[in-house]
C-alpha atoms as a PDB file:
ATOM      1  CA  MET A   1      -2.512  12.334   8.199  1.00  0.00           C
ATOM      2  CA  PRO A   2       0.696  10.224   8.108  1.00  0.00           C
ATOM      3  CA  LYS A   3       3.950  11.600   9.442  1.00  0.00           C
ATOM      4  CA  LEU A   4       5.847  10.339   6.393  1.00  0.00           C
ATOM      5  CA  GLU A   5       5.078   9.087   2.905  1.00  0.00           C
ATOM      6  CA  VAL A   6       7.473   6.360   1.798  1.00  0.00           C
ATOM      7  CA  LEU A   7       7.820   4.843  -1.676  1.00  0.00           C
ATOM      8  CA  ALA A   8      10.054   1.760  -2.068  1.00  0.00           C
ATOM      9  CA  TYR A   9      11.658   0.279  -5.198  1.00  0.00           C
ATOM     10  CA  HIS A  10      13.144  -3.225  -5.154  1.00  0.00           C
ATOM     11  CA  GLY A  11      16.114  -4.366  -7.207  1.00  0.00           C
ATOM     12  CA  TRP A  12      16.602  -7.031  -9.871  1.00  0.00           C
ATOM     13  CA  GLY A  13      15.354 -10.483  -8.933  1.00  0.00           C
ATOM     14  CA  PHE A  14      13.055  -9.246  -6.164  1.00  0.00           C
ATOM     15  CA  ASP A  15       9.426  -8.242  -5.882  1.00  0.00           C
ATOM     16  CA  ASN A  16       7.645  -5.857  -3.560  1.00  0.00           C
ATOM     17  CA  THR A  17       7.268  -8.524  -0.855  1.00  0.00           C
ATOM     18  CA  CYS A  18      10.868  -7.787   0.157  1.00  0.00           C
ATOM     19  CA  TRP A  19       9.521  -4.605   1.773  1.00  0.00           C
ATOM     20  CA  ARG A  20       6.812  -6.248   3.938  1.00  0.00           C
ATOM     21  CA  SER A  21       8.622  -5.937   7.253  1.00  0.00           C
ATOM     22  CA  TRP A  22       9.484  -2.340   6.385  1.00  0.00           C
ATOM     23  CA  GLU A  23       5.858  -1.632   5.511  1.00  0.00           C
ATOM     24  CA  THR A  24       4.729  -3.073   8.842  1.00  0.00           C
ATOM     25  CA  ARG A  25       7.280  -1.026  10.738  1.00  0.00           C
ATOM     26  CA  PHE A  26       6.350   2.250   9.041  1.00  0.00           C
ATOM     27  CA  ALA A  27       2.613   1.535   9.432  1.00  0.00           C
ATOM     28  CA  GLN A  28       3.120   1.003  13.168  1.00  0.00           C
ATOM     29  CA  GLN A  29       4.472   4.546  13.311  1.00  0.00           C
ATOM     30  CA  GLY A  30       1.525   5.959  11.367  1.00  0.00           C
ATOM     31  CA  ASP A  31       3.329   6.425   8.061  1.00  0.00           C
ATOM     32  CA  ARG A  32       2.076   5.773   4.525  1.00  0.00           C
ATOM     33  CA  PHE A  33       4.191   3.127   2.760  1.00  0.00           C
ATOM     34  CA  LEU A  34       3.894   2.291  -0.954  1.00  0.00           C
ATOM     35  CA  THR A  35       5.847  -0.260  -2.961  1.00  0.00           C
ATOM     36  CA  SER A  36       6.538  -0.500  -6.649  1.00  0.00           C
ATOM     37  CA  ASP A  37       6.889  -3.938  -8.242  1.00  0.00           C
ATOM     38  CA  ARG A  38       8.859  -4.502 -11.437  1.00  0.00           C
ATOM     39  CA  GLY A  39       6.845  -7.634 -12.218  1.00  0.00           C
ATOM     40  CA  TYR A  40       9.599 -10.254 -12.266  1.00  0.00           C
ATOM     41  CA  PHE A  41       7.310 -12.771 -10.530  1.00  0.00           C
ATOM     42  CA  GLY A  42       3.837 -11.469 -11.345  1.00  0.00           C
ATOM     43  CA  ASN A  43       2.015  -8.325 -12.341  1.00  0.00           C
ATOM     44  CA  PRO A  44       3.988  -5.084 -12.161  1.00  0.00           C
ATOM     45  CA  VAL A  45       2.871  -2.281  -9.862  1.00  0.00           C
ATOM     46  CA  GLU A  46       4.308   1.019 -11.005  1.00  0.00           C
ATOM     47  CA  TYR A  47       3.478   4.535  -9.992  1.00  0.00           C
ATOM     48  CA  PRO A  48       3.165   7.422 -12.406  1.00  0.00           C
ATOM     49  CA  VAL A  49       6.037   9.841 -12.772  1.00  0.00           C
ATOM     50  CA  GLN A  50       4.229  12.180 -10.406  1.00  0.00           C
ATOM     51  CA  TYR A  51       4.857  10.891  -6.877  1.00  0.00           C
ATOM     52  CA  PRO A  52       1.519   9.612  -5.575  1.00  0.00           C
ATOM     53  CA  ILE A  53       1.268  12.404  -3.030  1.00  0.00           C
ATOM     54  CA  GLN A  54      -1.786  12.175  -0.863  1.00  0.00           C
ATOM     55  CA  TYR A  55      -0.608  14.482   1.901  1.00  0.00           C
ATOM     56  CA  PRO A  56       1.382  17.458   0.523  1.00  0.00           C
ATOM     57  CA  VAL A  57       2.825  18.490   3.903  1.00  0.00           C
ATOM     58  CA  SER A  58       4.247  15.060   4.840  1.00  0.00           C
ATOM     59  CA  PRO A  59       7.962  14.502   4.155  1.00  0.00           C
ATOM     60  CA  LYS A  60       8.543  12.144   1.216  1.00  0.00           C
ATOM     61  CA  ILE A  61      11.084   9.314   1.401  1.00  0.00           C
ATOM     62  CA  ILE A  62      12.176   6.994  -1.390  1.00  0.00           C
ATOM     63  CA  LEU A  63      13.831   3.697  -0.473  1.00  0.00           C
ATOM     64  CA  THR A  64      15.715   1.860  -3.208  1.00  0.00           C
ATOM     65  CA  HIS A  65      17.473  -1.474  -3.193  1.00  0.00           C
ATOM     66  CA  SER A  66      20.157  -2.258  -5.784  1.00  0.00           C
ATOM     67  CA  TYR A  67      18.751  -1.686  -9.288  1.00  0.00           C
ATOM     68  CA  GLY A  68      15.646  -0.101  -7.751  1.00  0.00           C
ATOM     69  CA  LEU A  69      17.268   3.328  -7.894  1.00  0.00           C
ATOM     70  CA  HIS A  70      17.435   3.030 -11.683  1.00  0.00           C
ATOM     71  CA  LEU A  71      13.743   2.096 -11.849  1.00  0.00           C
ATOM     72  CA  CYS A  72      12.632   5.194  -9.961  1.00  0.00           C
ATOM     73  CA  PRO A  73      11.555   8.049 -12.249  1.00  0.00           C
ATOM     74  CA  ILE A  74      13.668  11.187 -11.898  1.00  0.00           C
ATOM     75  CA  ALA A  75      10.511  13.254 -11.391  1.00  0.00           C
ATOM     76  CA  GLN A  76       9.806  11.244  -8.229  1.00  0.00           C
ATOM     77  CA  LEU A  77      13.362  11.737  -7.000  1.00  0.00           C
ATOM     78  CA  GLU A  78      12.955  15.482  -7.488  1.00  0.00           C
ATOM     79  CA  GLN A  79       9.915  15.470  -5.191  1.00  0.00           C
ATOM     80  CA  THR A  80      11.482  13.501  -2.356  1.00  0.00           C
ATOM     81  CA  SER A  81      12.812  14.830   0.939  1.00  0.00           C
ATOM     82  CA  LEU A  82      15.161  11.891   1.523  1.00  0.00           C
ATOM     83  CA  LEU A  83      16.604   9.166  -0.699  1.00  0.00           C
ATOM     84  CA  VAL A  84      17.858   5.968   0.971  1.00  0.00           C
ATOM     85  CA  ILE A  85      19.934   3.603  -1.207  1.00  0.00           C
ATOM     86  CA  LEU A  86      20.472   0.052   0.063  1.00  0.00           C
ATOM     87  CA  SER A  87      23.168  -2.039  -1.651  1.00  0.00           C
ATOM     88  CA  GLY A  88      23.459   0.386  -4.550  1.00  0.00           C
ATOM     89  CA  PHE A  89      25.521  -0.121  -7.686  1.00  0.00           C
ATOM     90  CA  LEU A  90      28.711   1.201  -6.106  1.00  0.00           C
ATOM     91  CA  GLU A  91      28.496  -1.853  -3.849  1.00  0.00           C
ATOM     92  CA  PHE A  92      28.120  -4.081  -6.896  1.00  0.00           C
ATOM     93  CA  HIS A  93      30.405  -2.239  -9.346  1.00  0.00           C
ATOM     94  CA  PRO A  94      33.096  -0.412  -7.328  1.00  0.00           C
ATOM     95  CA  CYS A  95      34.874   2.651  -8.717  1.00  0.00           C
ATOM     96  CA  GLN A  96      38.357   1.105  -8.517  1.00  0.00           C
ATOM     97  CA  GLU A  97      39.137  -0.184 -12.026  1.00  0.00           C
ATOM     98  CA  SER A  98      40.460  -3.635 -11.039  1.00  0.00           C
ATOM     99  CA  LEU A  99      37.482  -4.290  -8.760  1.00  0.00           C
ATOM    100  CA  ARG A 100      35.057  -3.031 -11.384  1.00  0.00           C
ATOM    101  CA  ARG A 101      36.528  -5.358 -14.035  1.00  0.00           C
ATOM    102  CA  ARG A 102      36.091  -8.265 -11.629  1.00  0.00           C
ATOM    103  CA  SER A 103      32.477  -7.343 -10.871  1.00  0.00           C
ATOM    104  CA  GLN A 104      31.710  -6.983 -14.588  1.00  0.00           C
ATOM    105  CA  LEU A 105      33.185 -10.432 -15.250  1.00  0.00           C
ATOM    106  CA  ILE A 106      31.055 -11.892 -12.452  1.00  0.00           C
ATOM    107  CA  LEU A 107      27.991 -10.211 -13.957  1.00  0.00           C
ATOM    108  CA  GLN A 108      28.751 -11.671 -17.405  1.00  0.00           C
ATOM    109  CA  GLN A 109      29.108 -15.138 -15.860  1.00  0.00           C
ATOM    110  CA  MET A 110      25.872 -14.656 -13.951  1.00  0.00           C
ATOM    111  CA  LEU A 111      23.984 -13.707 -17.121  1.00  0.00           C
ATOM    112  CA  ALA A 112      25.397 -16.722 -18.985  1.00  0.00           C
ATOM    113  CA  GLN A 113      24.468 -19.106 -16.160  1.00  0.00           C
ATOM    114  CA  PHE A 114      21.022 -17.540 -15.865  1.00  0.00           C
ATOM    115  CA  GLN A 115      20.067 -19.008 -19.246  1.00  0.00           C
ATOM    116  CA  GLU A 116      20.440 -22.566 -17.920  1.00  0.00           C
ATOM    117  CA  LYS A 117      19.864 -22.325 -14.162  1.00  0.00           C
ATOM    118  CA  PRO A 118      17.867 -19.191 -13.320  1.00  0.00           C
ATOM    119  CA  GLU A 119      16.790 -20.423  -9.856  1.00  0.00           C
ATOM    120  CA  VAL A 120      20.391 -21.129  -8.814  1.00  0.00           C
ATOM    121  CA  VAL A 121      21.628 -17.767 -10.102  1.00  0.00           C
ATOM    122  CA  LEU A 122      18.786 -15.937  -8.357  1.00  0.00           C
ATOM    123  CA  SER A 123      19.466 -17.760  -5.083  1.00  0.00           C
ATOM    124  CA  HIS A 124      23.193 -16.929  -5.193  1.00  0.00           C
ATOM    125  CA  PHE A 125      22.450 -13.331  -6.155  1.00  0.00           C
ATOM    126  CA  LYS A 126      20.080 -12.836  -3.219  1.00  0.00           C
ATOM    127  CA  ALA A 127      22.623 -14.367  -0.850  1.00  0.00           C
ATOM    128  CA  LYS A 128      25.230 -11.840  -1.994  1.00  0.00           C
ATOM    129  CA  CYS A 129      23.060  -8.725  -1.931  1.00  0.00           C
ATOM    130  CA  ASP A 130      21.975  -8.711   1.695  1.00  0.00           C
ATOM    131  CA  TYR A 131      18.590 -10.324   1.073  1.00  0.00           C
ATOM    132  CA  PHE A 132      18.233 -11.427   4.692  1.00  0.00           C
ATOM    133  CA  TRP A 133      19.122  -7.955   5.938  1.00  0.00           C
ATOM    134  CA  LEU A 134      16.640  -6.330   3.572  1.00  0.00           C
ATOM    135  CA  MET A 135      13.837  -8.723   4.487  1.00  0.00           C
ATOM    136  CA  HIS A 136      14.223  -9.042   8.227  1.00  0.00           C
ATOM    137  CA  ARG A 137      16.823  -7.127  10.177  1.00  0.00           C
ATOM    138  CA  CYS A 138      16.890  -3.461   9.319  1.00  0.00           C
ATOM    139  CA  PRO A 139      13.382  -2.347  10.310  1.00  0.00           C
ATOM    140  CA  MET A 140      13.806  -3.803  13.760  1.00  0.00           C
ATOM    141  CA  THR A 141      17.192  -2.202  14.358  1.00  0.00           C
ATOM    142  CA  CYS A 142      16.713   1.221  12.757  1.00  0.00           C
ATOM    143  CA  GLN A 143      15.527   4.142  14.794  1.00  0.00           C
ATOM    144  CA  ARG A 144      13.850   7.214  13.434  1.00  0.00           C
ATOM    145  CA  VAL A 145      16.030  10.279  13.258  1.00  0.00           C
ATOM    146  CA  PRO A 146      14.125  13.562  13.511  1.00  0.00           C
ATOM    147  CA  MET A 147      13.935  15.337  10.160  1.00  0.00           C
ATOM    148  CA  THR A 148      14.663  19.036  10.193  1.00  0.00           C
END
């Protein structure tokens, strides 16, 4: 039986391959790791509203990146022991009004440019939302904190 069950949701412009190093790291520790895929670059992989619990006594963790939090069904959030949000919307759209207006303008420009140069927009977006950190660094630097 795994120590933890982890379900990960990627954000806009990503697919579930962004979680590979995380999956490897959790598997090395004997945990069950599942990823959802919105289907931006292939076939979507979504889980039913009921968290795919295989081991009822294992703690449940949901990892979300950016827009991934908004793709996760509320019923799954209600069943989780821990929610981890990486580069959430408060990072993208701050609460301070002047900063939020700026971020909304940038988003409008991004959407307009996406019509003509989607690859360029996607590349710039990934560079600004900690893509490298998500893909490579965190699993090697994070240490497990005992859950109580």
